[in-house]
Amino acid sequence: MGTIVKYLNGESIEMPHPFVDECDRLDQNGYSIVNVRFYRERKGLSFLPAMLYVEFKKDTEGKTIHHDWHIDIEKWLLNKNVKAVSNENEAERMGYYLIQLFNDAPFELGEGYMNAVLMENLRDDFGDVPALIQTLKEIPFYRANKSSKFYSSAVEYIEKCYKTIIKPLIHMGYTKETTESIFYSSLIYFLDERFSLTNSRLLGLSSK
């Protein structure tokens, strides 16, 4: 009689994203990665799909390939320590990564509760950072219920998200000061979307 029991444990095959395969083929053919450009075009109150443009170079020959943003591609690029074309673009790239990380937060934490814990964390840890003061002022604040059984899990997830952004920046060779600047700017990009700050201004719903 057939059984699947013996297949339940052990390693399985993980197939790389096809775009990663394409990048690897270029690497094997003597091309080196120069940088990546993150691009996300706003259309009114929404955005077109985010894109990643990866630039390669072989001697004097340049080549750029692109694909819709995908977390597997981003992780591969970060593992390769591929920088964005500028510090400003790096902040947008990491801010978008934060958006995706928080979208993937455990369902049981709930968006409202996560927002409360997030804002408490930001005000406690970064409330005096000049770059963040104005953005934090625009977001309603209320204390999270610390007696909730989910509080420690929410804090842990938020801190993991921060580390997921900060560690690659250090590994890519940015100085501590530049890493902080990029991280704070990425938080602004992330918070703007999570709390619809720009959209509120466009709709005349914000007094800021």
N, C-alpha and C. Protein backbone atom coordinates (compact mmCIF):
# COMPACT_ATOMS: atom_id res chain seq x y z
N MET A 1 0.84 -1.20 0.00
CA MET A 1 0.00 0.00 0.00
C MET A 1 0.88 1.25 0.00
N GLY A 2 0.54 2.21 -0.84
CA GLY A 2 1.33 3.43 -0.94
C GLY A 2 1.21 4.29 0.30
N THR A 3 2.26 5.07 0.57
CA THR A 3 2.24 5.99 1.71
C THR A 3 3.13 7.19 1.40
N ILE A 4 2.77 8.32 1.97
CA ILE A 4 3.57 9.53 1.77
C ILE A 4 4.36 9.89 3.01
N VAL A 5 4.27 9.04 4.04
CA VAL A 5 4.89 9.37 5.33
C VAL A 5 6.37 9.69 5.19
N LYS A 6 7.09 8.89 4.39
CA LYS A 6 8.53 9.09 4.30
C LYS A 6 8.92 10.39 3.61
N TYR A 7 7.94 11.05 2.97
CA TYR A 7 8.22 12.30 2.27
C TYR A 7 7.90 13.55 3.11
N LEU A 8 7.45 13.33 4.33
CA LEU A 8 7.01 14.47 5.14
C LEU A 8 8.16 15.18 5.82
N ASN A 9 9.30 14.52 5.95
CA ASN A 9 10.45 15.12 6.62
C ASN A 9 11.61 15.30 5.64
N GLY A 10 12.58 16.08 6.05
CA GLY A 10 13.75 16.30 5.21
C GLY A 10 13.58 17.50 4.30
N GLU A 11 14.60 17.73 3.49
CA GLU A 11 14.63 18.91 2.64
C GLU A 11 13.83 18.69 1.36
N SER A 12 13.28 19.79 0.84
CA SER A 12 12.62 19.77 -0.45
C SER A 12 13.36 20.71 -1.39
N ILE A 13 13.06 20.63 -2.66
CA ILE A 13 13.72 21.47 -3.65
C ILE A 13 13.05 22.84 -3.70
N GLU A 14 13.87 23.89 -3.61
CA GLU A 14 13.37 25.25 -3.74
C GLU A 14 13.87 25.82 -5.05
N MET A 15 12.96 26.13 -5.95
CA MET A 15 13.34 26.66 -7.25
C MET A 15 13.54 28.16 -7.17
N PRO A 16 14.65 28.70 -7.69
CA PRO A 16 14.86 30.14 -7.69
C PRO A 16 13.89 30.84 -8.64
N HIS A 17 13.67 32.11 -8.38
CA HIS A 17 12.83 32.90 -9.28
C HIS A 17 13.49 32.95 -10.67
N PRO A 18 12.72 32.85 -11.75
CA PRO A 18 13.31 32.88 -13.10
C PRO A 18 14.20 34.09 -13.35
N PHE A 19 13.85 35.23 -12.78
CA PHE A 19 14.68 36.43 -12.97
C PHE A 19 16.03 36.25 -12.29
N VAL A 20 16.04 35.59 -11.15
CA VAL A 20 17.30 35.30 -10.47
C VAL A 20 18.15 34.38 -11.34
N ASP A 21 17.51 33.40 -11.98
CA ASP A 21 18.23 32.53 -12.91
C ASP A 21 18.87 33.34 -14.04
N GLU A 22 18.13 34.31 -14.55
CA GLU A 22 18.65 35.15 -15.63
C GLU A 22 19.86 35.95 -15.16
N CYS A 23 19.78 36.48 -13.94
CA CYS A 23 20.90 37.24 -13.37
C CYS A 23 22.11 36.33 -13.18
N ASP A 24 21.87 35.12 -12.72
CA ASP A 24 22.97 34.17 -12.53
C ASP A 24 23.65 33.82 -13.84
N ARG A 25 22.86 33.69 -14.90
CA ARG A 25 23.44 33.37 -16.21
C ARG A 25 24.35 34.50 -16.69
N LEU A 26 23.92 35.74 -16.47
CA LEU A 26 24.76 36.87 -16.84
C LEU A 26 26.05 36.88 -16.03
N ASP A 27 25.93 36.55 -14.75
CA ASP A 27 27.10 36.50 -13.87
C ASP A 27 28.08 35.44 -14.36
N GLN A 28 27.56 34.30 -14.77
CA GLN A 28 28.41 33.21 -15.26
C GLN A 28 29.06 33.55 -16.60
N ASN A 29 28.46 34.50 -17.33
CA ASN A 29 29.01 34.92 -18.62
C ASN A 29 29.92 36.13 -18.51
N GLY A 30 30.34 36.43 -17.28
CA GLY A 30 31.33 37.48 -17.10
C GLY A 30 30.79 38.86 -16.78
N TYR A 31 29.48 38.98 -16.63
CA TYR A 31 28.89 40.27 -16.27
C TYR A 31 28.91 40.43 -14.74
N SER A 32 29.16 41.63 -14.29
CA SER A 32 29.09 41.92 -12.87
C SER A 32 27.95 42.90 -12.62
N ILE A 33 27.30 42.77 -11.47
CA ILE A 33 26.18 43.66 -11.14
C ILE A 33 26.72 45.00 -10.65
N VAL A 34 26.23 46.08 -11.24
CA VAL A 34 26.67 47.42 -10.87
C VAL A 34 25.78 47.97 -9.76
N ASN A 35 24.47 47.95 -9.99
CA ASN A 35 23.52 48.47 -9.00
C ASN A 35 22.11 48.05 -9.38
N VAL A 36 21.15 48.46 -8.56
CA VAL A 36 19.74 48.22 -8.85
C VAL A 36 18.99 49.54 -8.68
N ARG A 37 18.01 49.76 -9.52
CA ARG A 37 17.17 50.95 -9.39
C ARG A 37 15.74 50.51 -9.10
N PHE A 38 15.22 50.99 -7.98
CA PHE A 38 13.83 50.72 -7.62
C PHE A 38 12.97 51.81 -8.23
N TYR A 39 11.88 51.40 -8.87
CA TYR A 39 11.00 52.38 -9.51
C TYR A 39 9.55 52.03 -9.23
N ARG A 40 8.81 53.02 -8.78
CA ARG A 40 7.38 52.83 -8.47
C ARG A 40 6.65 54.12 -8.79
N GLU A 41 5.86 54.08 -9.84
CA GLU A 41 5.21 55.29 -10.33
C GLU A 41 3.83 55.47 -9.69
N ARG A 42 3.63 56.67 -9.15
CA ARG A 42 2.33 57.00 -8.56
C ARG A 42 1.35 57.41 -9.66
N LYS A 43 0.13 56.91 -9.57
CA LYS A 43 -0.96 57.30 -10.46
C LYS A 43 -2.15 57.71 -9.59
N GLY A 44 -2.26 59.01 -9.34
CA GLY A 44 -3.34 59.49 -8.49
C GLY A 44 -3.18 59.00 -7.07
N LEU A 45 -4.15 58.22 -6.59
CA LEU A 45 -4.12 57.72 -5.22
C LEU A 45 -3.51 56.33 -5.11
N SER A 46 -3.00 55.79 -6.21
CA SER A 46 -2.43 54.45 -6.19
C SER A 46 -1.11 54.44 -6.95
N PHE A 47 -0.53 53.26 -7.07
CA PHE A 47 0.75 53.12 -7.75
C PHE A 47 0.68 52.03 -8.80
N LEU A 48 1.50 52.18 -9.84
CA LEU A 48 1.73 51.08 -10.76
C LEU A 48 2.64 50.06 -10.07
N PRO A 49 2.70 48.84 -10.56
CA PRO A 49 3.55 47.84 -9.91
C PRO A 49 4.99 48.31 -9.76
N ALA A 50 5.58 48.03 -8.61
CA ALA A 50 6.98 48.39 -8.36
C ALA A 50 7.89 47.56 -9.26
N MET A 51 8.98 48.18 -9.70
CA MET A 51 9.91 47.51 -10.62
C MET A 51 11.32 47.56 -10.05
N LEU A 52 12.12 46.57 -10.44
CA LEU A 52 13.54 46.54 -10.14
C LEU A 52 14.33 46.49 -11.44
N TYR A 53 15.21 47.48 -11.65
CA TYR A 53 16.05 47.53 -12.83
C TYR A 53 17.49 47.22 -12.39
N VAL A 54 18.01 46.10 -12.83
CA VAL A 54 19.34 45.66 -12.42
C VAL A 54 20.34 45.93 -13.54
N GLU A 55 21.39 46.69 -13.22
CA GLU A 55 22.39 47.05 -14.22
C GLU A 55 23.62 46.15 -14.10
N PHE A 56 24.02 45.60 -15.22
CA PHE A 56 25.22 44.76 -15.30
C PHE A 56 26.27 45.45 -16.17
N LYS A 57 27.52 45.01 -16.00
CA LYS A 57 28.60 45.54 -16.83
C LYS A 57 29.62 44.45 -17.10
N LYS A 58 30.08 44.40 -18.35
CA LYS A 58 31.14 43.48 -18.75
C LYS A 58 32.11 44.26 -19.61
N ASP A 59 33.29 44.52 -19.05
CA ASP A 59 34.27 45.40 -19.70
C ASP A 59 33.60 46.76 -19.96
N THR A 60 33.44 47.14 -21.22
CA THR A 60 32.81 48.43 -21.53
C THR A 60 31.34 48.27 -21.91
N GLU A 61 30.86 47.04 -21.88
CA GLU A 61 29.48 46.77 -22.29
C GLU A 61 28.55 46.79 -21.07
N GLY A 62 27.47 47.55 -21.19
CA GLY A 62 26.48 47.61 -20.13
C GLY A 62 25.19 46.90 -20.54
N LYS A 63 24.46 46.41 -19.57
CA LYS A 63 23.21 45.72 -19.84
C LYS A 63 22.30 45.91 -18.64
N THR A 64 21.03 46.27 -18.89
CA THR A 64 20.05 46.45 -17.83
C THR A 64 18.85 45.54 -18.09
N ILE A 65 18.47 44.77 -17.08
CA ILE A 65 17.27 43.93 -17.16
C ILE A 65 16.34 44.32 -16.02
N HIS A 66 15.06 44.09 -16.21
CA HIS A 66 14.12 44.52 -15.18
C HIS A 66 13.02 43.49 -14.97
N HIS A 67 12.35 43.64 -13.83
CA HIS A 67 11.25 42.73 -13.48
C HIS A 67 10.41 43.40 -12.41
N ASP A 68 9.14 43.00 -12.34
CA ASP A 68 8.30 43.46 -11.24
C ASP A 68 8.97 43.08 -9.92
N TRP A 69 8.80 43.96 -8.91
CA TRP A 69 9.38 43.66 -7.59
C TRP A 69 8.84 42.34 -7.07
N HIS A 70 9.74 41.52 -6.57
CA HIS A 70 9.36 40.24 -5.95
C HIS A 70 10.31 40.01 -4.77
N ILE A 71 9.78 39.53 -3.67
CA ILE A 71 10.60 39.40 -2.47
C ILE A 71 11.77 38.45 -2.68
N ASP A 72 11.61 37.42 -3.52
CA ASP A 72 12.72 36.50 -3.78
C ASP A 72 13.85 37.20 -4.54
N ILE A 73 13.47 38.09 -5.46
CA ILE A 73 14.49 38.86 -6.20
C ILE A 73 15.20 39.81 -5.25
N GLU A 74 14.43 40.50 -4.43
CA GLU A 74 15.02 41.46 -3.49
C GLU A 74 15.97 40.77 -2.52
N LYS A 75 15.56 39.63 -1.99
CA LYS A 75 16.43 38.90 -1.07
C LYS A 75 17.73 38.48 -1.75
N TRP A 76 17.62 38.06 -3.00
CA TRP A 76 18.81 37.64 -3.75
C TRP A 76 19.75 38.83 -3.94
N LEU A 77 19.20 39.98 -4.32
CA LEU A 77 20.03 41.17 -4.51
C LEU A 77 20.69 41.61 -3.21
N LEU A 78 19.95 41.54 -2.12
CA LEU A 78 20.52 41.93 -0.83
C LEU A 78 21.60 40.96 -0.39
N ASN A 79 21.40 39.68 -0.66
CA ASN A 79 22.43 38.70 -0.33
C ASN A 79 23.70 38.93 -1.14
N LYS A 80 23.53 39.53 -2.32
CA LYS A 80 24.67 39.88 -3.17
C LYS A 80 25.25 41.25 -2.83
N ASN A 81 24.65 41.91 -1.83
CA ASN A 81 25.09 43.26 -1.41
C ASN A 81 25.02 44.28 -2.54
N VAL A 82 23.95 44.19 -3.34
CA VAL A 82 23.76 45.11 -4.46
C VAL A 82 23.09 46.39 -3.97
N LYS A 83 23.79 47.50 -4.12
CA LYS A 83 23.26 48.80 -3.70
C LYS A 83 22.31 49.38 -4.74
N ALA A 84 21.47 50.29 -4.29
CA ALA A 84 20.63 51.07 -5.19
C ALA A 84 21.47 52.17 -5.84
N VAL A 85 20.88 52.84 -6.83
CA VAL A 85 21.62 53.85 -7.60
C VAL A 85 21.95 55.09 -6.79
N SER A 86 21.24 55.32 -5.70
CA SER A 86 21.49 56.49 -4.86
C SER A 86 20.95 56.21 -3.46
N ASN A 87 21.37 57.02 -2.50
CA ASN A 87 20.86 56.86 -1.14
C ASN A 87 19.35 57.09 -1.08
N GLU A 88 18.87 58.04 -1.87
CA GLU A 88 17.44 58.33 -1.90
C GLU A 88 16.66 57.13 -2.45
N ASN A 89 17.19 56.55 -3.52
CA ASN A 89 16.55 55.38 -4.11
C ASN A 89 16.62 54.18 -3.18
N GLU A 90 17.73 54.08 -2.44
CA GLU A 90 17.87 53.00 -1.46
C GLU A 90 16.79 53.11 -0.39
N ALA A 91 16.49 54.33 0.04
CA ALA A 91 15.47 54.54 1.06
C ALA A 91 14.09 54.13 0.55
N GLU A 92 13.78 54.47 -0.71
CA GLU A 92 12.50 54.06 -1.29
C GLU A 92 12.43 52.53 -1.41
N ARG A 93 13.53 51.95 -1.86
CA ARG A 93 13.61 50.49 -2.00
C ARG A 93 13.36 49.80 -0.65
N MET A 94 14.03 50.27 0.40
CA MET A 94 13.88 49.66 1.71
C MET A 94 12.52 50.00 2.33
N GLY A 95 12.01 51.17 2.02
CA GLY A 95 10.68 51.53 2.50
C GLY A 95 9.62 50.61 1.92
N TYR A 96 9.77 50.29 0.64
CA TYR A 96 8.82 49.37 0.01
C TYR A 96 8.96 47.97 0.59
N TYR A 97 10.19 47.58 0.87
CA TYR A 97 10.42 46.28 1.50
C TYR A 97 9.71 46.23 2.87
N LEU A 98 9.79 47.32 3.62
CA LEU A 98 9.08 47.39 4.91
C LEU A 98 7.57 47.22 4.72
N ILE A 99 7.04 47.87 3.69
CA ILE A 99 5.60 47.74 3.41
C ILE A 99 5.23 46.27 3.23
N GLN A 100 6.02 45.56 2.46
CA GLN A 100 5.73 44.15 2.21
C GLN A 100 5.91 43.30 3.47
N LEU A 101 6.91 43.59 4.25
CA LEU A 101 7.13 42.83 5.48
C LEU A 101 5.97 42.99 6.44
N PHE A 102 5.46 44.22 6.57
CA PHE A 102 4.34 44.45 7.48
C PHE A 102 3.04 43.89 6.92
N ASN A 103 2.93 43.87 5.60
CA ASN A 103 1.74 43.23 5.00
C ASN A 103 1.71 41.74 5.31
N ASP A 104 2.87 41.17 5.54
CA ASP A 104 2.97 39.73 5.81
C ASP A 104 2.98 39.42 7.31
N ALA A 105 2.65 40.40 8.13
CA ALA A 105 2.63 40.17 9.58
C ALA A 105 1.61 39.09 9.92
N PRO A 106 1.85 38.30 10.97
CA PRO A 106 0.91 37.24 11.35
C PRO A 106 -0.52 37.75 11.49
N PHE A 107 -1.46 37.05 10.89
CA PHE A 107 -2.86 37.48 10.84
C PHE A 107 -3.42 37.74 12.23
N GLU A 108 -3.05 36.91 13.20
CA GLU A 108 -3.66 37.01 14.53
C GLU A 108 -3.29 38.30 15.26
N LEU A 109 -2.23 38.98 14.80
CA LEU A 109 -1.86 40.24 15.45
C LEU A 109 -2.85 41.35 15.10
N GLY A 110 -3.44 41.31 13.93
CA GLY A 110 -4.41 42.31 13.53
C GLY A 110 -3.75 43.62 13.14
N GLU A 111 -4.23 44.25 12.07
CA GLU A 111 -3.61 45.48 11.58
C GLU A 111 -3.72 46.62 12.58
N GLY A 112 -4.90 46.76 13.20
CA GLY A 112 -5.09 47.86 14.15
C GLY A 112 -4.17 47.75 15.35
N TYR A 113 -4.05 46.54 15.89
CA TYR A 113 -3.18 46.35 17.06
C TYR A 113 -1.72 46.53 16.67
N MET A 114 -1.34 46.01 15.51
CA MET A 114 0.03 46.20 15.03
C MET A 114 0.35 47.68 14.87
N ASN A 115 -0.59 48.45 14.35
CA ASN A 115 -0.37 49.88 14.19
C ASN A 115 -0.15 50.57 15.53
N ALA A 116 -0.92 50.17 16.54
CA ALA A 116 -0.79 50.77 17.86
C ALA A 116 0.58 50.46 18.46
N VAL A 117 1.00 49.20 18.35
CA VAL A 117 2.31 48.81 18.88
C VAL A 117 3.42 49.48 18.08
N LEU A 118 3.26 49.55 16.77
CA LEU A 118 4.25 50.18 15.91
C LEU A 118 4.45 51.64 16.28
N MET A 119 3.35 52.38 16.41
CA MET A 119 3.47 53.81 16.72
C MET A 119 4.05 54.03 18.11
N GLU A 120 3.69 53.19 19.05
CA GLU A 120 4.28 53.29 20.39
C GLU A 120 5.79 53.06 20.32
N ASN A 121 6.18 52.04 19.56
CA ASN A 121 7.59 51.73 19.40
C ASN A 121 8.35 52.87 18.74
N LEU A 122 7.77 53.42 17.68
CA LEU A 122 8.44 54.51 16.96
C LEU A 122 8.59 55.75 17.82
N ARG A 123 7.56 56.10 18.57
CA ARG A 123 7.63 57.29 19.42
C ARG A 123 8.60 57.10 20.58
N ASP A 124 8.64 55.89 21.11
CA ASP A 124 9.55 55.63 22.23
C ASP A 124 11.01 55.57 21.78
N ASP A 125 11.26 54.95 20.63
CA ASP A 125 12.64 54.73 20.17
C ASP A 125 13.16 55.83 19.26
N PHE A 126 12.29 56.44 18.46
CA PHE A 126 12.75 57.40 17.45
C PHE A 126 12.00 58.73 17.50
N GLY A 127 11.27 58.97 18.57
CA GLY A 127 10.44 60.18 18.65
C GLY A 127 11.21 61.48 18.62
N ASP A 128 12.50 61.42 18.94
CA ASP A 128 13.30 62.64 18.95
C ASP A 128 14.20 62.77 17.73
N VAL A 129 14.01 61.88 16.74
CA VAL A 129 14.80 61.96 15.50
C VAL A 129 14.20 63.05 14.62
N PRO A 130 14.96 64.11 14.32
CA PRO A 130 14.42 65.25 13.56
C PRO A 130 13.73 64.84 12.25
N ALA A 131 14.29 63.87 11.54
CA ALA A 131 13.74 63.48 10.25
C ALA A 131 12.35 62.87 10.37
N LEU A 132 12.02 62.34 11.56
CA LEU A 132 10.76 61.62 11.73
C LEU A 132 9.68 62.41 12.46
N ILE A 133 10.06 63.50 13.09
CA ILE A 133 9.14 64.24 13.95
C ILE A 133 7.86 64.64 13.22
N GLN A 134 7.98 65.23 12.04
CA GLN A 134 6.80 65.72 11.32
C GLN A 134 5.89 64.57 10.91
N THR A 135 6.48 63.49 10.41
CA THR A 135 5.67 62.34 10.00
C THR A 135 4.92 61.74 11.18
N LEU A 136 5.58 61.60 12.30
CA LEU A 136 4.94 61.02 13.49
C LEU A 136 3.81 61.91 14.00
N LYS A 137 3.95 63.22 13.82
CA LYS A 137 2.89 64.14 14.25
C LYS A 137 1.61 63.95 13.44
N GLU A 138 1.75 63.50 12.21
CA GLU A 138 0.59 63.35 11.33
C GLU A 138 -0.22 62.09 11.60
N ILE A 139 0.32 61.19 12.40
CA ILE A 139 -0.33 59.89 12.61
C ILE A 139 -0.97 59.86 14.00
N PRO A 140 -2.28 59.58 14.08
CA PRO A 140 -2.95 59.48 15.38
C PRO A 140 -2.25 58.45 16.26
N PHE A 141 -2.16 58.75 17.54
CA PHE A 141 -1.42 57.88 18.45
C PHE A 141 -2.27 57.48 19.64
N TYR A 142 -2.25 56.20 19.94
CA TYR A 142 -2.86 55.72 21.16
C TYR A 142 -2.04 54.53 21.65
N ARG A 143 -1.94 54.40 22.97
CA ARG A 143 -1.12 53.36 23.57
C ARG A 143 -1.70 51.98 23.30
N ALA A 144 -0.81 51.05 22.99
CA ALA A 144 -1.22 49.66 22.78
C ALA A 144 -1.47 48.99 24.12
N ASN A 145 -2.36 48.04 24.11
CA ASN A 145 -2.66 47.27 25.32
C ASN A 145 -1.52 46.27 25.57
N LYS A 146 -0.65 46.59 26.53
CA LYS A 146 0.51 45.75 26.79
C LYS A 146 0.14 44.44 27.50
N SER A 147 -1.07 44.37 28.03
CA SER A 147 -1.49 43.14 28.70
C SER A 147 -1.98 42.08 27.70
N SER A 148 -2.11 42.48 26.44
CA SER A 148 -2.55 41.52 25.42
C SER A 148 -1.52 40.40 25.27
N LYS A 149 -2.00 39.19 25.04
CA LYS A 149 -1.10 38.06 24.84
C LYS A 149 -0.30 38.18 23.55
N PHE A 150 -0.71 39.12 22.68
CA PHE A 150 -0.02 39.30 21.41
C PHE A 150 1.02 40.42 21.44
N TYR A 151 1.11 41.14 22.57
CA TYR A 151 1.98 42.32 22.62
C TYR A 151 3.44 41.96 22.33
N SER A 152 3.97 40.98 23.04
CA SER A 152 5.39 40.62 22.86
C SER A 152 5.65 40.11 21.43
N SER A 153 4.68 39.39 20.85
CA SER A 153 4.84 38.90 19.48
C SER A 153 4.88 40.06 18.49
N ALA A 154 4.04 41.07 18.73
CA ALA A 154 4.01 42.24 17.85
C ALA A 154 5.33 43.01 17.92
N VAL A 155 5.83 43.22 19.13
CA VAL A 155 7.11 43.92 19.31
C VAL A 155 8.23 43.15 18.63
N GLU A 156 8.24 41.84 18.82
CA GLU A 156 9.28 41.00 18.23
C GLU A 156 9.23 41.07 16.71
N TYR A 157 8.03 41.06 16.13
CA TYR A 157 7.91 41.11 14.67
C TYR A 157 8.40 42.47 14.14
N ILE A 158 8.03 43.55 14.81
CA ILE A 158 8.45 44.89 14.40
C ILE A 158 9.98 45.00 14.42
N GLU A 159 10.58 44.51 15.50
CA GLU A 159 12.04 44.58 15.60
C GLU A 159 12.72 43.74 14.52
N LYS A 160 12.14 42.60 14.19
CA LYS A 160 12.69 41.77 13.11
C LYS A 160 12.63 42.50 11.77
N CYS A 161 11.54 43.24 11.55
CA CYS A 161 11.41 44.02 10.31
C CYS A 161 12.50 45.07 10.23
N TYR A 162 12.75 45.78 11.33
CA TYR A 162 13.82 46.78 11.36
C TYR A 162 15.16 46.12 11.02
N LYS A 163 15.44 44.99 11.66
CA LYS A 163 16.73 44.31 11.44
C LYS A 163 16.86 43.84 9.99
N THR A 164 15.74 43.42 9.39
CA THR A 164 15.76 42.96 8.01
C THR A 164 16.17 44.07 7.06
N ILE A 165 15.92 45.31 7.45
CA ILE A 165 16.31 46.47 6.64
C ILE A 165 17.72 46.94 6.99
N ILE A 166 18.02 47.03 8.27
CA ILE A 166 19.28 47.64 8.71
C ILE A 166 20.49 46.76 8.41
N LYS A 167 20.39 45.46 8.67
CA LYS A 167 21.54 44.59 8.47
C LYS A 167 22.07 44.60 7.04
N PRO A 168 21.21 44.49 6.02
CA PRO A 168 21.73 44.54 4.64
C PRO A 168 22.43 45.86 4.31
N LEU A 169 21.93 46.96 4.87
CA LEU A 169 22.56 48.26 4.61
C LEU A 169 24.00 48.27 5.13
N ILE A 170 24.19 47.71 6.31
CA ILE A 170 25.55 47.62 6.87
C ILE A 170 26.41 46.71 6.00
N HIS A 171 25.86 45.56 5.60
CA HIS A 171 26.62 44.61 4.79
C HIS A 171 26.97 45.18 3.42
N MET A 172 26.13 46.09 2.91
CA MET A 172 26.41 46.70 1.61
C MET A 172 27.53 47.73 1.69
N GLY A 173 27.96 48.06 2.90
CA GLY A 173 29.09 48.97 3.05
C GLY A 173 28.75 50.39 3.42
N TYR A 174 27.48 50.67 3.70
CA TYR A 174 27.12 52.02 4.13
C TYR A 174 27.68 52.29 5.53
N THR A 175 28.07 53.52 5.77
CA THR A 175 28.52 53.89 7.11
C THR A 175 27.35 53.88 8.08
N LYS A 176 27.63 53.91 9.37
CA LYS A 176 26.59 53.93 10.37
C LYS A 176 25.68 55.14 10.19
N GLU A 177 26.27 56.29 9.90
CA GLU A 177 25.50 57.52 9.73
C GLU A 177 24.59 57.43 8.50
N THR A 178 25.13 56.92 7.40
CA THR A 178 24.34 56.79 6.17
C THR A 178 23.25 55.74 6.35
N THR A 179 23.57 54.65 7.03
CA THR A 179 22.58 53.61 7.31
C THR A 179 21.41 54.19 8.10
N GLU A 180 21.71 54.98 9.11
CA GLU A 180 20.65 55.60 9.92
C GLU A 180 19.79 56.51 9.06
N SER A 181 20.43 57.32 8.22
CA SER A 181 19.70 58.25 7.36
C SER A 181 18.78 57.51 6.40
N ILE A 182 19.31 56.46 5.77
CA ILE A 182 18.50 55.67 4.84
C ILE A 182 17.35 54.99 5.58
N PHE A 183 17.64 54.44 6.75
CA PHE A 183 16.61 53.75 7.52
C PHE A 183 15.49 54.71 7.92
N TYR A 184 15.83 55.89 8.40
CA TYR A 184 14.80 56.86 8.79
C TYR A 184 13.95 57.28 7.58
N SER A 185 14.61 57.47 6.44
CA SER A 185 13.86 57.84 5.23
C SER A 185 12.97 56.69 4.77
N SER A 186 13.44 55.46 4.94
CA SER A 186 12.63 54.31 4.56
C SER A 186 11.40 54.20 5.47
N LEU A 187 11.56 54.55 6.74
CA LEU A 187 10.42 54.57 7.66
C LEU A 187 9.37 55.59 7.21
N ILE A 188 9.82 56.75 6.78
CA ILE A 188 8.89 57.78 6.30
C ILE A 188 8.13 57.28 5.08
N TYR A 189 8.83 56.65 4.15
CA TYR A 189 8.20 56.10 2.95
C TYR A 189 7.15 55.05 3.34
N PHE A 190 7.52 54.17 4.24
CA PHE A 190 6.63 53.10 4.71
C PHE A 190 5.42 53.67 5.45
N LEU A 191 5.65 54.60 6.37
CA LEU A 191 4.55 55.16 7.16
C LEU A 191 3.59 55.97 6.30
N ASP A 192 4.13 56.65 5.30
CA ASP A 192 3.28 57.43 4.41
C ASP A 192 2.22 56.55 3.75
N GLU A 193 2.64 55.37 3.34
CA GLU A 193 1.68 54.46 2.69
C GLU A 193 0.79 53.74 3.70
N ARG A 194 1.39 53.27 4.78
CA ARG A 194 0.60 52.49 5.74
C ARG A 194 -0.52 53.31 6.34
N PHE A 195 -0.27 54.61 6.54
CA PHE A 195 -1.28 55.47 7.15
C PHE A 195 -1.88 56.47 6.16
N SER A 196 -1.65 56.25 4.87
CA SER A 196 -2.28 57.04 3.79
C SER A 196 -2.09 58.54 3.97
N LEU A 197 -0.88 58.96 4.33
CA LEU A 197 -0.63 60.37 4.62
C LEU A 197 -0.72 61.23 3.36
N THR A 198 -0.03 60.84 2.29
CA THR A 198 -0.09 61.62 1.05
C THR A 198 -1.49 61.60 0.47
N ASN A 199 -2.14 60.46 0.48
CA ASN A 199 -3.50 60.38 -0.06
C ASN A 199 -4.46 61.26 0.73
N SER A 200 -4.28 61.33 2.03
CA SER A 200 -5.12 62.20 2.85
C SER A 200 -4.93 63.66 2.47
N ARG A 201 -3.68 64.03 2.20
CA ARG A 201 -3.42 65.41 1.78
C ARG A 201 -4.02 65.69 0.41
N LEU A 202 -3.89 64.73 -0.50
CA LEU A 202 -4.44 64.91 -1.84
C LEU A 202 -5.97 65.05 -1.82
N LEU A 203 -6.59 64.37 -0.88
CA LEU A 203 -8.05 64.42 -0.75
C LEU A 203 -8.52 65.55 0.15
N GLY A 204 -7.58 66.33 0.66
CA GLY A 204 -7.93 67.45 1.54
C GLY A 204 -8.43 67.01 2.91
N LEU A 205 -8.00 65.81 3.35
CA LEU A 205 -8.47 65.28 4.62
C LEU A 205 -7.46 65.51 5.74
N SER A 206 -6.32 66.10 5.41
CA SER A 206 -5.30 66.34 6.41
C SER A 206 -5.11 67.82 6.61
N SER A 207 -4.89 68.21 7.86
CA SER A 207 -4.66 69.62 8.18
C SER A 207 -3.18 69.94 8.21
N LYS A 208 -2.33 68.90 8.01
CA LYS A 208 -0.87 69.09 8.10
C LYS A 208 -0.32 69.65 6.79
